[in-house]
C-alpha atoms as a PDB file:
ATOM      1  CA  MET A   1       2.709 -21.618  28.656  1.00  0.00           C
ATOM      2  CA  LEU A   2       5.774 -21.990  26.457  1.00  0.00           C
ATOM      3  CA  THR A   3       4.265 -25.021  24.743  1.00  0.00           C
ATOM      4  CA  ILE A   4       0.997 -23.228  24.012  1.00  0.00           C
ATOM      5  CA  LEU A   5       2.850 -20.249  22.562  1.00  0.00           C
ATOM      6  CA  ILE A   6       5.016 -22.433  20.317  1.00  0.00           C
ATOM      7  CA  VAL A   7       2.058 -24.517  19.104  1.00  0.00           C
ATOM      8  CA  ALA A   8       0.068 -21.337  18.386  1.00  0.00           C
ATOM      9  CA  CYS A   9       2.965 -20.007  16.294  1.00  0.00           C
ATOM     10  CA  ILE A  10       3.158 -23.319  14.422  1.00  0.00           C
ATOM     11  CA  LEU A  11      -0.570 -23.178  13.687  1.00  0.00           C
ATOM     12  CA  LEU A  12      -0.152 -19.634  12.381  1.00  0.00           C
ATOM     13  CA  LEU A  13       2.750 -20.730  10.171  1.00  0.00           C
ATOM     14  CA  THR A  14       0.684 -23.659   8.909  1.00  0.00           C
ATOM     15  CA  LEU A  15      -2.101 -21.293   7.924  1.00  0.00           C
ATOM     16  CA  ILE A  16       0.458 -19.149   6.094  1.00  0.00           C
ATOM     17  CA  TYR A  17       1.663 -22.297   4.314  1.00  0.00           C
ATOM     18  CA  VAL A  18      -1.886 -23.192   3.267  1.00  0.00           C
ATOM     19  CA  VAL A  19      -2.453 -19.669   1.930  1.00  0.00           C
ATOM     20  CA  VAL A  20       0.804 -19.777  -0.060  1.00  0.00           C
ATOM     21  CA  VAL A  21      -0.003 -23.200  -1.533  1.00  0.00           C
ATOM     22  CA  ARG A  22      -3.518 -22.081  -2.469  1.00  0.00           C
ATOM     23  CA  ALA A  23      -2.025 -19.027  -4.176  1.00  0.00           C
ATOM     24  CA  LEU A  24       0.379 -21.349  -5.996  1.00  0.00           C
ATOM     25  CA  LYS A  25      -2.563 -23.454  -7.160  1.00  0.00           C
ATOM     26  CA  LYS A  26      -4.019 -20.424  -8.944  1.00  0.00           C
ATOM     27  CA  THR A  27      -0.920 -19.887 -11.089  1.00  0.00           C
ATOM     28  CA  ARG A  28      -0.811 -20.718 -14.772  1.00  0.00           C
ATOM     29  CA  PHE A  29       1.981 -23.248 -14.163  1.00  0.00           C
ATOM     30  CA  TYR A  30      -0.132 -25.290 -11.740  1.00  0.00           C
ATOM     31  CA  ILE A  31      -3.154 -25.153 -14.047  1.00  0.00           C
ATOM     32  CA  GLN A  32      -0.989 -26.494 -16.895  1.00  0.00           C
ATOM     33  CA  VAL A  33       0.211 -29.357 -14.696  1.00  0.00           C
ATOM     34  CA  ARG A  34      -3.384 -30.255 -13.802  1.00  0.00           C
ATOM     35  CA  ALA A  35      -4.406 -30.160 -17.460  1.00  0.00           C
ATOM     36  CA  LEU A  36      -1.507 -32.444 -18.364  1.00  0.00           C
ATOM     37  CA  GLN A  37      -2.414 -34.794 -15.545  1.00  0.00           C
ATOM     38  CA  GLN A  38      -6.012 -35.006 -16.701  1.00  0.00           C
ATOM     39  CA  GLN A  39      -4.856 -35.597 -20.259  1.00  0.00           C
ATOM     40  CA  LEU A  40      -2.465 -38.360 -19.196  1.00  0.00           C
ATOM     41  CA  ALA A  41      -5.109 -39.938 -16.959  1.00  0.00           C
ATOM     42  CA  ARG A  42      -6.967 -40.892 -20.117  1.00  0.00           C
ATOM     43  CA  ALA A  43      -3.991 -42.935 -21.327  1.00  0.00           C
ATOM     44  CA  PRO A  44      -4.576 -46.679 -21.563  1.00  0.00           C
ATOM     45  CA  GLN A  45      -3.344 -48.598 -18.534  1.00  0.00           C
ATOM     46  CA  ASP A  46      -2.545 -51.751 -20.452  1.00  0.00           C
ATOM     47  CA  ILE A  47      -2.140 -51.869 -24.202  1.00  0.00           C
ATOM     48  CA  ARG A  48      -4.422 -54.427 -25.833  1.00  0.00           C
ATOM     49  CA  SER A  49      -5.226 -53.098 -29.282  1.00  0.00           C
ATOM     50  CA  LYS A  50      -3.908 -50.855 -32.027  1.00  0.00           C
ATOM     51  CA  ARG A  51      -6.195 -48.108 -30.799  1.00  0.00           C
ATOM     52  CA  ASP A  52      -4.491 -48.187 -27.400  1.00  0.00           C
ATOM     53  CA  ILE A  53      -1.102 -48.038 -29.113  1.00  0.00           C
ATOM     54  CA  ARG A  54      -2.153 -44.954 -31.080  1.00  0.00           C
ATOM     55  CA  LYS A  55      -3.449 -43.256 -27.926  1.00  0.00           C
ATOM     56  CA  TYR A  56      -0.242 -44.050 -26.093  1.00  0.00           C
ATOM     57  CA  ARG A  57       1.934 -42.725 -28.939  1.00  0.00           C
ATOM     58  CA  LYS A  58      -0.005 -39.470 -28.949  1.00  0.00           C
ATOM     59  CA  LEU A  59       0.489 -39.007 -25.213  1.00  0.00           C
ATOM     60  CA  LYS A  60       4.081 -40.273 -24.968  1.00  0.00           C
ATOM     61  CA  PRO A  61       5.759 -36.866 -25.624  1.00  0.00           C
ATOM     62  CA  TYR A  62       3.764 -35.311 -22.792  1.00  0.00           C
ATOM     63  CA  ILE A  63       4.964 -37.811 -20.173  1.00  0.00           C
ATOM     64  CA  LYS A  64       8.511 -36.427 -19.892  1.00  0.00           C
ATOM     65  CA  TYR A  65       7.167 -32.867 -19.907  1.00  0.00           C
ATOM     66  CA  PHE A  66       4.684 -33.793 -17.147  1.00  0.00           C
ATOM     67  CA  ARG A  67       7.397 -35.408 -15.028  1.00  0.00           C
ATOM     68  CA  ARG A  68       9.566 -32.299 -15.231  1.00  0.00           C
ATOM     69  CA  LYS A  69       6.704 -29.992 -14.325  1.00  0.00           C
ATOM     70  CA  THR A  70       5.616 -32.139 -11.375  1.00  0.00           C
ATOM     71  CA  LEU A  71       9.230 -32.317 -10.173  1.00  0.00           C
ATOM     72  CA  VAL A  72       9.470 -28.517 -10.257  1.00  0.00           C
ATOM     73  CA  LEU A  73       6.119 -28.243  -8.481  1.00  0.00           C
ATOM     74  CA  THR A  74       7.244 -30.707  -5.806  1.00  0.00           C
ATOM     75  CA  LEU A  75      10.511 -28.838  -5.281  1.00  0.00           C
ATOM     76  CA  VAL A  76       8.704 -25.499  -4.959  1.00  0.00           C
ATOM     77  CA  GLN A  77       6.237 -26.902  -2.436  1.00  0.00           C
ATOM     78  CA  SER A  78       9.054 -28.587  -0.502  1.00  0.00           C
ATOM     79  CA  ALA A  79      11.002 -25.324  -0.430  1.00  0.00           C
ATOM     80  CA  VAL A  80       7.967 -23.457   0.891  1.00  0.00           C
ATOM     81  CA  PHE A  81       7.484 -26.136   3.562  1.00  0.00           C
ATOM     82  CA  LEU A  82      11.148 -25.975   4.583  1.00  0.00           C
ATOM     83  CA  VAL A  83      10.989 -22.183   4.852  1.00  0.00           C
ATOM     84  CA  ILE A  84       7.886 -22.443   7.037  1.00  0.00           C
ATOM     85  CA  TYR A  85       9.440 -25.216   9.173  1.00  0.00           C
ATOM     86  CA  THR A  86      12.664 -23.245   9.583  1.00  0.00           C
ATOM     87  CA  GLY A  87      10.573 -20.238  10.561  1.00  0.00           C
ATOM     88  CA  GLY A  88       8.862 -22.399  13.177  1.00  0.00           C
ATOM     89  CA  LEU A  89      12.211 -23.506  14.574  1.00  0.00           C
ATOM     90  CA  LEU A  90      13.470 -19.919  14.658  1.00  0.00           C
ATOM     91  CA  ILE A  91      10.327 -18.722  16.414  1.00  0.00           C
ATOM     92  CA  ALA A  92      10.645 -21.565  18.939  1.00  0.00           C
ATOM     93  CA  TRP A  93      14.298 -20.684  19.493  1.00  0.00           C
ATOM     94  CA  PHE A  94      13.470 -16.979  19.895  1.00  0.00           C
ATOM     95  CA  VAL A  95      10.614 -17.653  22.317  1.00  0.00           C
ATOM     96  CA  SER A  96      12.772 -20.114  24.263  1.00  0.00           C
ATOM     97  CA  SER A  97      15.683 -17.693  24.483  1.00  0.00           C
ATOM     98  CA  THR A  98      13.459 -14.855  25.697  1.00  0.00           C
ATOM     99  CA  THR A  99      11.970 -17.057  28.404  1.00  0.00           C
ATOM    100  CA  GLY A 100      15.385 -18.554  29.203  1.00  0.00           C
ATOM    101  CA  SER A 101      14.168 -22.128  28.919  1.00  0.00           C
ATOM    102  CA  PHE A 102      15.049 -24.395  25.995  1.00  0.00           C
ATOM    103  CA  TYR A 103      13.231 -27.308  27.595  1.00  0.00           C
ATOM    104  CA  VAL A 104       9.656 -27.881  28.691  1.00  0.00           C
ATOM    105  CA  ILE A 105       8.901 -29.870  31.835  1.00  0.00           C
ATOM    106  CA  SER A 106       5.976 -32.215  31.266  1.00  0.00           C
ATOM    107  CA  PRO A 107       4.345 -35.032  33.229  1.00  0.00           C
ATOM    108  CA  ILE A 108       3.860 -36.886  29.930  1.00  0.00           C
ATOM    109  CA  GLY A 109       6.862 -37.974  27.917  1.00  0.00           C
ATOM    110  CA  ILE A 110       7.282 -38.447  24.193  1.00  0.00           C
ATOM    111  CA  PRO A 111       8.948 -41.824  23.542  1.00  0.00           C
ATOM    112  CA  PHE A 112      12.536 -41.511  22.243  1.00  0.00           C
ATOM    113  CA  LEU A 113      12.248 -37.694  22.108  1.00  0.00           C
ATOM    114  CA  SER A 114      12.182 -36.712  25.781  1.00  0.00           C
ATOM    115  CA  GLY A 115      14.320 -37.404  28.803  1.00  0.00           C
ATOM    116  CA  PHE A 116      13.328 -38.229  32.371  1.00  0.00           C
ATOM    117  CA  SER A 117      14.677 -36.106  35.216  1.00  0.00           C
ATOM    118  CA  ARG A 118      15.018 -38.103  38.441  1.00  0.00           C
ATOM    119  CA  ASP A 119      15.359 -34.917  40.485  1.00  0.00           C
ATOM    120  CA  LEU A 120      12.115 -33.335  39.266  1.00  0.00           C
ATOM    121  CA  GLU A 121      10.388 -36.642  38.476  1.00  0.00           C
ATOM    122  CA  TYR A 122       9.090 -35.150  35.237  1.00  0.00           C
ATOM    123  CA  PHE A 123       9.925 -35.531  31.601  1.00  0.00           C
ATOM    124  CA  ILE A 124      12.072 -32.894  29.917  1.00  0.00           C
ATOM    125  CA  ILE A 125      11.155 -32.152  26.295  1.00  0.00           C
ATOM    126  CA  PRO A 126      13.303 -29.891  24.065  1.00  0.00           C
ATOM    127  CA  THR A 127      11.398 -27.100  22.319  1.00  0.00           C
ATOM    128  CA  HIS A 128      12.493 -28.222  18.845  1.00  0.00           C
ATOM    129  CA  VAL A 129      10.751 -31.548  19.509  1.00  0.00           C
ATOM    130  CA  ILE A 130       7.552 -29.639  20.275  1.00  0.00           C
ATOM    131  CA  VAL A 131       7.903 -27.869  16.910  1.00  0.00           C
ATOM    132  CA  LEU A 132       8.327 -31.242  15.203  1.00  0.00           C
ATOM    133  CA  VAL A 133       5.284 -32.714  16.956  1.00  0.00           C
ATOM    134  CA  ALA A 134       3.200 -29.628  16.155  1.00  0.00           C
ATOM    135  CA  PHE A 135       4.056 -29.895  12.446  1.00  0.00           C
ATOM    136  CA  VAL A 136       3.278 -33.612  12.457  1.00  0.00           C
ATOM    137  CA  GLY A 137      -0.059 -32.793  14.064  1.00  0.00           C
ATOM    138  CA  VAL A 138      -1.053 -30.521  11.197  1.00  0.00           C
ATOM    139  CA  PHE A 139       0.591 -32.646   8.506  1.00  0.00           C
ATOM    140  CA  TYR A 140      -2.793 -33.896   7.272  1.00  0.00           C
ATOM    141  CA  LEU A 141      -3.807 -30.353   6.392  1.00  0.00           C
ATOM    142  CA  ILE A 142      -0.502 -29.788   4.602  1.00  0.00           C
ATOM    143  CA  THR A 143      -0.721 -32.986   2.537  1.00  0.00           C
ATOM    144  CA  ARG A 144      -4.332 -32.307   1.632  1.00  0.00           C
ATOM    145  CA  GLU A 145      -3.387 -28.903   0.228  1.00  0.00           C
ATOM    146  CA  VAL A 146      -0.414 -30.191  -1.754  1.00  0.00           C
ATOM    147  CA  LYS A 147      -2.192 -33.190  -3.282  1.00  0.00           C
ATOM    148  CA  LEU A 148      -2.757 -33.018  -7.036  1.00  0.00           C
ATOM    149  CA  LYS A 149      -6.309 -34.238  -7.653  1.00  0.00           C
ATOM    150  CA  ILE A 150      -7.917 -35.485 -10.831  1.00  0.00           C
ATOM    151  CA  GLU A 151     -11.349 -34.002 -11.338  1.00  0.00           C
END
């Protein structure tokens, strides 16, 4: 029961994360980063002629600007993820403290993250490991939302 409650809270926090990232994608800052990315995508990959040199020289000032903007965007998205992950840990801690159990007894162990109890003959998994596994489970959704696509 404790595991289901924690995983449900993590799924709710993941949905909140997706909503926040989608709201971030609608900002003017993000739209400028996408426009810069599309502009720089047209840059020549390897310089073979004078025309390629001219194109590269036109786009060269935008490269540093693009790097800074993508760094800021990455830091903002990482901060949002860390806030959501910390919220997940706090919720797991709160739920565990109200139930009085900081461990979950399971017949299936997680390699290197759970311990085996010889008395109970079950695996003991800490609740923070369940939070970690739940976030890894929905990590595909998180990375798909954060990805900067060229269209």
